[in-house]
Amino acid sequence: MTVGLSIRHAVIVDAEVLAWSVKMDGRKTITPPTERMPHQYGKKASRFLVVSAFNVVLGQSLLVLTHSWLGWAFTVSNAAAVALSAGPAYILTRYWVWEKWSKNMLVKEVLPFWGVAFFGLIFSTVAARFAGTYTDAQLALNLVNLAAFGLIWVFKLFLFDRLMFGGHHHTLKSAS
């Protein structure tokens, strides 16, 4: 029987489960995150890193193409790069990283994914504009843009796993 639990409760329960491990003699111990993380996120994190690297190459290529070659304003180029690269990133993240083949959920998956992508757009645009006050060198602007997206990468991994694509949040069962 499935029970309707809040996200807060699910995260708390999940955190408690992840924080404790049982030794062979039955004693409970707290497992450090450095030991839990590779086991829990190893395959997903590796695949997410590959998808992110692909998306960086695609996004940065689109940014250089539209800004340097086509002469678009950096803000417009950045928005176009994010908008065009978000589709392939969503598909690869959902189907390859999380191996989720069920029906796409617009409100629970698609819209939040694009929301996070556009949060990255806003954050990277602000960072690049700030850098643009000091230099107009394409390489410097691209590096600042890349660093801004890099800062939110880990956040995205946990967000996608905990709230969007991870299977465990959809299958909470009652104890009885």
C-alpha atoms as a PDB file:
ATOM      1  CA  MET A   1       0.000   0.000   0.000  1.00  0.00           C
ATOM      2  CA  THR A   2       1.464   3.336  -1.054  1.00  0.00           C
ATOM      3  CA  VAL A   3       1.124   6.226   1.378  1.00  0.00           C
ATOM      4  CA  GLY A   4       1.252   9.905   0.524  1.00  0.00           C
ATOM      5  CA  LEU A   5       4.263  11.277   2.370  1.00  0.00           C
ATOM      6  CA  SER A   6       5.631  14.756   2.041  1.00  0.00           C
ATOM      7  CA  ILE A   7       8.925  15.411   0.265  1.00  0.00           C
ATOM      8  CA  ARG A   8      10.334  16.662   3.581  1.00  0.00           C
ATOM      9  CA  HIS A   9       9.472  13.351   5.273  1.00  0.00           C
ATOM     10  CA  ALA A  10      10.894  11.319   2.384  1.00  0.00           C
ATOM     11  CA  VAL A  11      14.178  13.229   2.504  1.00  0.00           C
ATOM     12  CA  ILE A  12      14.388  12.850   6.292  1.00  0.00           C
ATOM     13  CA  VAL A  13      13.670   9.117   6.127  1.00  0.00           C
ATOM     14  CA  ASP A  14      16.137   8.705   3.260  1.00  0.00           C
ATOM     15  CA  ALA A  15      18.806  10.693   5.121  1.00  0.00           C
ATOM     16  CA  GLU A  16      18.354   8.515   8.193  1.00  0.00           C
ATOM     17  CA  VAL A  17      18.629   5.347   6.132  1.00  0.00           C
ATOM     18  CA  LEU A  18      21.744   6.610   4.385  1.00  0.00           C
ATOM     19  CA  ALA A  19      23.415   7.861   7.554  1.00  0.00           C
ATOM     20  CA  TRP A  20      23.337   4.553   9.395  1.00  0.00           C
ATOM     21  CA  SER A  21      24.971   1.285   8.562  1.00  0.00           C
ATOM     22  CA  VAL A  22      24.881  -1.939  10.525  1.00  0.00           C
ATOM     23  CA  LYS A  23      28.117  -3.748  11.331  1.00  0.00           C
ATOM     24  CA  MET A  24      28.355  -7.525  11.196  1.00  0.00           C
ATOM     25  CA  ASP A  25      27.859  -7.756  14.985  1.00  0.00           C
ATOM     26  CA  GLY A  26      24.594  -5.800  14.746  1.00  0.00           C
ATOM     27  CA  ARG A  27      25.884  -2.451  16.030  1.00  0.00           C
ATOM     28  CA  LYS A  28      24.688   0.649  14.200  1.00  0.00           C
ATOM     29  CA  THR A  29      27.342   3.091  13.099  1.00  0.00           C
ATOM     30  CA  ILE A  30      27.293   6.353  11.216  1.00  0.00           C
ATOM     31  CA  THR A  31      28.821   5.976   7.776  1.00  0.00           C
ATOM     32  CA  PRO A  32      30.744   9.025   6.559  1.00  0.00           C
ATOM     33  CA  PRO A  33      29.403  10.616   3.351  1.00  0.00           C
ATOM     34  CA  THR A  34      32.722   9.954   1.606  1.00  0.00           C
ATOM     35  CA  GLU A  35      32.032   6.221   1.924  1.00  0.00           C
ATOM     36  CA  ARG A  36      28.324   6.398   1.061  1.00  0.00           C
ATOM     37  CA  MET A  37      28.540   8.681  -1.965  1.00  0.00           C
ATOM     38  CA  PRO A  38      30.571   6.539  -4.406  1.00  0.00           C
ATOM     39  CA  HIS A  39      28.404   3.489  -3.701  1.00  0.00           C
ATOM     40  CA  GLN A  40      25.128   5.391  -3.914  1.00  0.00           C
ATOM     41  CA  TYR A  41      25.923   7.715  -6.814  1.00  0.00           C
ATOM     42  CA  GLY A  42      28.866   6.093  -8.620  1.00  0.00           C
ATOM     43  CA  LYS A  43      27.174   4.984 -11.839  1.00  0.00           C
ATOM     44  CA  LYS A  44      24.729   7.893 -11.938  1.00  0.00           C
ATOM     45  CA  ALA A  45      27.391  10.483 -11.148  1.00  0.00           C
ATOM     46  CA  SER A  46      29.708   9.046 -13.819  1.00  0.00           C
ATOM     47  CA  ARG A  47      26.980   9.067 -16.432  1.00  0.00           C
ATOM     48  CA  PHE A  48      25.770  12.504 -15.350  1.00  0.00           C
ATOM     49  CA  LEU A  49      29.330  13.757 -15.722  1.00  0.00           C
ATOM     50  CA  VAL A  50      29.483  12.383 -19.282  1.00  0.00           C
ATOM     51  CA  VAL A  51      26.121  13.986 -20.161  1.00  0.00           C
ATOM     52  CA  SER A  52      27.268  17.241 -18.576  1.00  0.00           C
ATOM     53  CA  ALA A  53      30.538  17.148 -20.530  1.00  0.00           C
ATOM     54  CA  PHE A  54      28.600  16.552 -23.751  1.00  0.00           C
ATOM     55  CA  ASN A  55      26.267  19.411 -22.862  1.00  0.00           C
ATOM     56  CA  VAL A  56      29.203  21.713 -22.065  1.00  0.00           C
ATOM     57  CA  VAL A  57      30.746  21.028 -25.474  1.00  0.00           C
ATOM     58  CA  LEU A  58      27.398  21.543 -27.209  1.00  0.00           C
ATOM     59  CA  GLY A  59      26.498  24.661 -25.217  1.00  0.00           C
ATOM     60  CA  GLN A  60      29.941  26.274 -25.480  1.00  0.00           C
ATOM     61  CA  SER A  61      30.051  25.518 -29.215  1.00  0.00           C
ATOM     62  CA  LEU A  62      26.667  27.156 -29.688  1.00  0.00           C
ATOM     63  CA  LEU A  63      27.831  30.101 -27.585  1.00  0.00           C
ATOM     64  CA  VAL A  64      30.961  30.623 -29.695  1.00  0.00           C
ATOM     65  CA  LEU A  65      29.012  30.121 -32.920  1.00  0.00           C
ATOM     66  CA  THR A  66      26.318  32.633 -32.080  1.00  0.00           C
ATOM     67  CA  HIS A  67      28.477  35.193 -30.258  1.00  0.00           C
ATOM     68  CA  SER A  68      31.793  35.167 -32.138  1.00  0.00           C
ATOM     69  CA  TRP A  69      30.758  34.045 -35.584  1.00  0.00           C
ATOM     70  CA  LEU A  70      27.223  35.397 -35.909  1.00  0.00           C
ATOM     71  CA  GLY A  71      27.849  38.496 -33.791  1.00  0.00           C
ATOM     72  CA  TRP A  72      24.887  38.066 -31.454  1.00  0.00           C
ATOM     73  CA  ALA A  73      24.971  39.783 -28.061  1.00  0.00           C
ATOM     74  CA  PHE A  74      26.431  37.524 -25.375  1.00  0.00           C
ATOM     75  CA  THR A  75      23.165  37.418 -23.395  1.00  0.00           C
ATOM     76  CA  VAL A  76      21.169  36.360 -26.467  1.00  0.00           C
ATOM     77  CA  SER A  77      23.851  33.820 -27.421  1.00  0.00           C
ATOM     78  CA  ASN A  78      23.853  32.361 -23.917  1.00  0.00           C
ATOM     79  CA  ALA A  79      20.047  32.072 -23.882  1.00  0.00           C
ATOM     80  CA  ALA A  80      20.052  30.356 -27.293  1.00  0.00           C
ATOM     81  CA  ALA A  81      22.814  27.956 -26.224  1.00  0.00           C
ATOM     82  CA  VAL A  82      20.935  26.959 -23.057  1.00  0.00           C
ATOM     83  CA  ALA A  83      17.589  26.630 -24.836  1.00  0.00           C
ATOM     84  CA  LEU A  84      19.036  24.495 -27.631  1.00  0.00           C
ATOM     85  CA  SER A  85      21.168  22.275 -25.394  1.00  0.00           C
ATOM     86  CA  ALA A  86      18.517  21.671 -22.698  1.00  0.00           C
ATOM     87  CA  GLY A  87      16.524  19.249 -24.864  1.00  0.00           C
ATOM     88  CA  PRO A  88      19.345  16.760 -25.509  1.00  0.00           C
ATOM     89  CA  ALA A  89      20.489  17.155 -21.888  1.00  0.00           C
ATOM     90  CA  TYR A  90      17.015  16.238 -20.585  1.00  0.00           C
ATOM     91  CA  ILE A  91      16.705  13.205 -22.840  1.00  0.00           C
ATOM     92  CA  LEU A  92      20.184  11.872 -22.003  1.00  0.00           C
ATOM     93  CA  THR A  93      19.761  12.569 -18.290  1.00  0.00           C
ATOM     94  CA  ARG A  94      16.388  10.906 -17.997  1.00  0.00           C
ATOM     95  CA  TYR A  95      16.904   7.875 -20.182  1.00  0.00           C
ATOM     96  CA  TRP A  96      20.632   7.120 -19.867  1.00  0.00           C
ATOM     97  CA  VAL A  97      21.676   8.471 -16.462  1.00  0.00           C
ATOM     98  CA  TRP A  98      18.584   7.500 -14.466  1.00  0.00           C
ATOM     99  CA  GLU A  99      17.452   4.755 -16.877  1.00  0.00           C
ATOM    100  CA  LYS A 100      13.876   5.944 -16.557  1.00  0.00           C
ATOM    101  CA  TRP A 101      11.685   4.710 -19.396  1.00  0.00           C
ATOM    102  CA  SER A 102       8.212   5.502 -18.048  1.00  0.00           C
ATOM    103  CA  LYS A 103       6.060   8.322 -19.385  1.00  0.00           C
ATOM    104  CA  ASN A 104       7.582  11.814 -19.112  1.00  0.00           C
ATOM    105  CA  MET A 105       5.886  13.919 -16.449  1.00  0.00           C
ATOM    106  CA  LEU A 106       5.563  17.553 -17.514  1.00  0.00           C
ATOM    107  CA  VAL A 107       5.068  19.065 -14.046  1.00  0.00           C
ATOM    108  CA  LYS A 108       7.357  16.762 -12.037  1.00  0.00           C
ATOM    109  CA  GLU A 109      10.231  16.370 -14.510  1.00  0.00           C
ATOM    110  CA  VAL A 110      10.220  18.431 -17.704  1.00  0.00           C
ATOM    111  CA  LEU A 111       9.356  21.852 -16.276  1.00  0.00           C
ATOM    112  CA  PRO A 112      11.692  21.548 -13.247  1.00  0.00           C
ATOM    113  CA  PHE A 113      14.528  20.387 -15.531  1.00  0.00           C
ATOM    114  CA  TRP A 114      14.085  23.413 -17.777  1.00  0.00           C
ATOM    115  CA  GLY A 115      13.722  25.592 -14.682  1.00  0.00           C
ATOM    116  CA  VAL A 116      17.102  24.430 -13.409  1.00  0.00           C
ATOM    117  CA  ALA A 117      18.589  24.949 -16.883  1.00  0.00           C
ATOM    118  CA  PHE A 118      17.299  28.510 -16.980  1.00  0.00           C
ATOM    119  CA  PHE A 119      18.461  29.137 -13.416  1.00  0.00           C
ATOM    120  CA  GLY A 120      21.910  28.197 -14.751  1.00  0.00           C
ATOM    121  CA  LEU A 121      21.314  30.579 -17.649  1.00  0.00           C
ATOM    122  CA  ILE A 122      20.525  33.478 -15.323  1.00  0.00           C
ATOM    123  CA  PHE A 123      23.424  32.676 -13.006  1.00  0.00           C
ATOM    124  CA  SER A 124      25.920  32.274 -15.854  1.00  0.00           C
ATOM    125  CA  THR A 125      24.676  35.399 -17.622  1.00  0.00           C
ATOM    126  CA  VAL A 126      25.081  37.507 -14.487  1.00  0.00           C
ATOM    127  CA  ALA A 127      28.572  36.057 -13.942  1.00  0.00           C
ATOM    128  CA  ALA A 128      29.556  36.648 -17.584  1.00  0.00           C
ATOM    129  CA  ARG A 129      28.159  40.192 -17.536  1.00  0.00           C
ATOM    130  CA  PHE A 130      30.231  40.891 -14.450  1.00  0.00           C
ATOM    131  CA  ALA A 131      33.303  39.465 -16.178  1.00  0.00           C
ATOM    132  CA  GLY A 132      32.398  41.432 -19.290  1.00  0.00           C
ATOM    133  CA  THR A 133      32.939  44.673 -17.401  1.00  0.00           C
ATOM    134  CA  TYR A 134      36.623  43.695 -17.152  1.00  0.00           C
ATOM    135  CA  THR A 135      37.233  42.012 -20.508  1.00  0.00           C
ATOM    136  CA  ASP A 136      35.572  41.246 -23.812  1.00  0.00           C
ATOM    137  CA  ALA A 137      37.823  38.271 -24.563  1.00  0.00           C
ATOM    138  CA  GLN A 138      35.711  35.331 -25.752  1.00  0.00           C
ATOM    139  CA  LEU A 139      37.814  32.779 -23.869  1.00  0.00           C
ATOM    140  CA  ALA A 140      37.429  34.620 -20.550  1.00  0.00           C
ATOM    141  CA  LEU A 141      33.671  34.944 -21.003  1.00  0.00           C
ATOM    142  CA  ASN A 142      33.361  31.258 -21.878  1.00  0.00           C
ATOM    143  CA  LEU A 143      35.424  30.246 -18.835  1.00  0.00           C
ATOM    144  CA  VAL A 144      33.283  32.362 -16.511  1.00  0.00           C
ATOM    145  CA  ASN A 145      30.163  30.929 -18.117  1.00  0.00           C
ATOM    146  CA  LEU A 146      31.512  27.391 -17.669  1.00  0.00           C
ATOM    147  CA  ALA A 147      32.487  28.025 -14.038  1.00  0.00           C
ATOM    148  CA  ALA A 148      29.008  29.332 -13.247  1.00  0.00           C
ATOM    149  CA  PHE A 149      27.393  26.185 -14.643  1.00  0.00           C
ATOM    150  CA  GLY A 150      29.984  24.051 -12.843  1.00  0.00           C
ATOM    151  CA  LEU A 151      29.001  25.545  -9.498  1.00  0.00           C
ATOM    152  CA  ILE A 152      25.481  24.204  -9.798  1.00  0.00           C
ATOM    153  CA  TRP A 153      26.435  20.765 -11.189  1.00  0.00           C
ATOM    154  CA  VAL A 154      26.508  18.934  -7.830  1.00  0.00           C
ATOM    155  CA  PHE A 155      23.280  20.637  -6.774  1.00  0.00           C
ATOM    156  CA  LYS A 156      21.647  19.381  -9.976  1.00  0.00           C
ATOM    157  CA  LEU A 157      22.816  15.794  -9.402  1.00  0.00           C
ATOM    158  CA  PHE A 158      21.183  15.642  -5.972  1.00  0.00           C
ATOM    159  CA  LEU A 159      18.089  17.565  -7.063  1.00  0.00           C
ATOM    160  CA  PHE A 160      17.473  15.314 -10.042  1.00  0.00           C
ATOM    161  CA  ASP A 161      18.009  12.167  -7.976  1.00  0.00           C
ATOM    162  CA  ARG A 162      16.018  13.207  -4.934  1.00  0.00           C
ATOM    163  CA  LEU A 163      13.085  15.032  -6.478  1.00  0.00           C
ATOM    164  CA  MET A 164      12.774  14.198 -10.149  1.00  0.00           C
ATOM    165  CA  PHE A 165      14.247  11.042 -11.651  1.00  0.00           C
ATOM    166  CA  GLY A 166      15.322   8.862  -8.714  1.00  0.00           C
ATOM    167  CA  GLY A 167      12.938   5.934  -8.431  1.00  0.00           C
ATOM    168  CA  HIS A 168      12.787   5.710  -4.648  1.00  0.00           C
ATOM    169  CA  HIS A 169      10.738   8.866  -4.113  1.00  0.00           C
ATOM    170  CA  HIS A 170       7.852   7.447  -6.131  1.00  0.00           C
ATOM    171  CA  THR A 171       7.681   4.116  -4.322  1.00  0.00           C
ATOM    172  CA  LEU A 172       7.418   4.881  -0.611  1.00  0.00           C
ATOM    173  CA  LYS A 173       5.479   2.082   1.054  1.00  0.00           C
ATOM    174  CA  SER A 174       3.891   1.883   4.462  1.00  0.00           C
ATOM    175  CA  ALA A 175       5.467  -0.370   7.099  1.00  0.00           C
ATOM    176  CA  SER A 176       2.224  -2.246   7.757  1.00  0.00           C
END
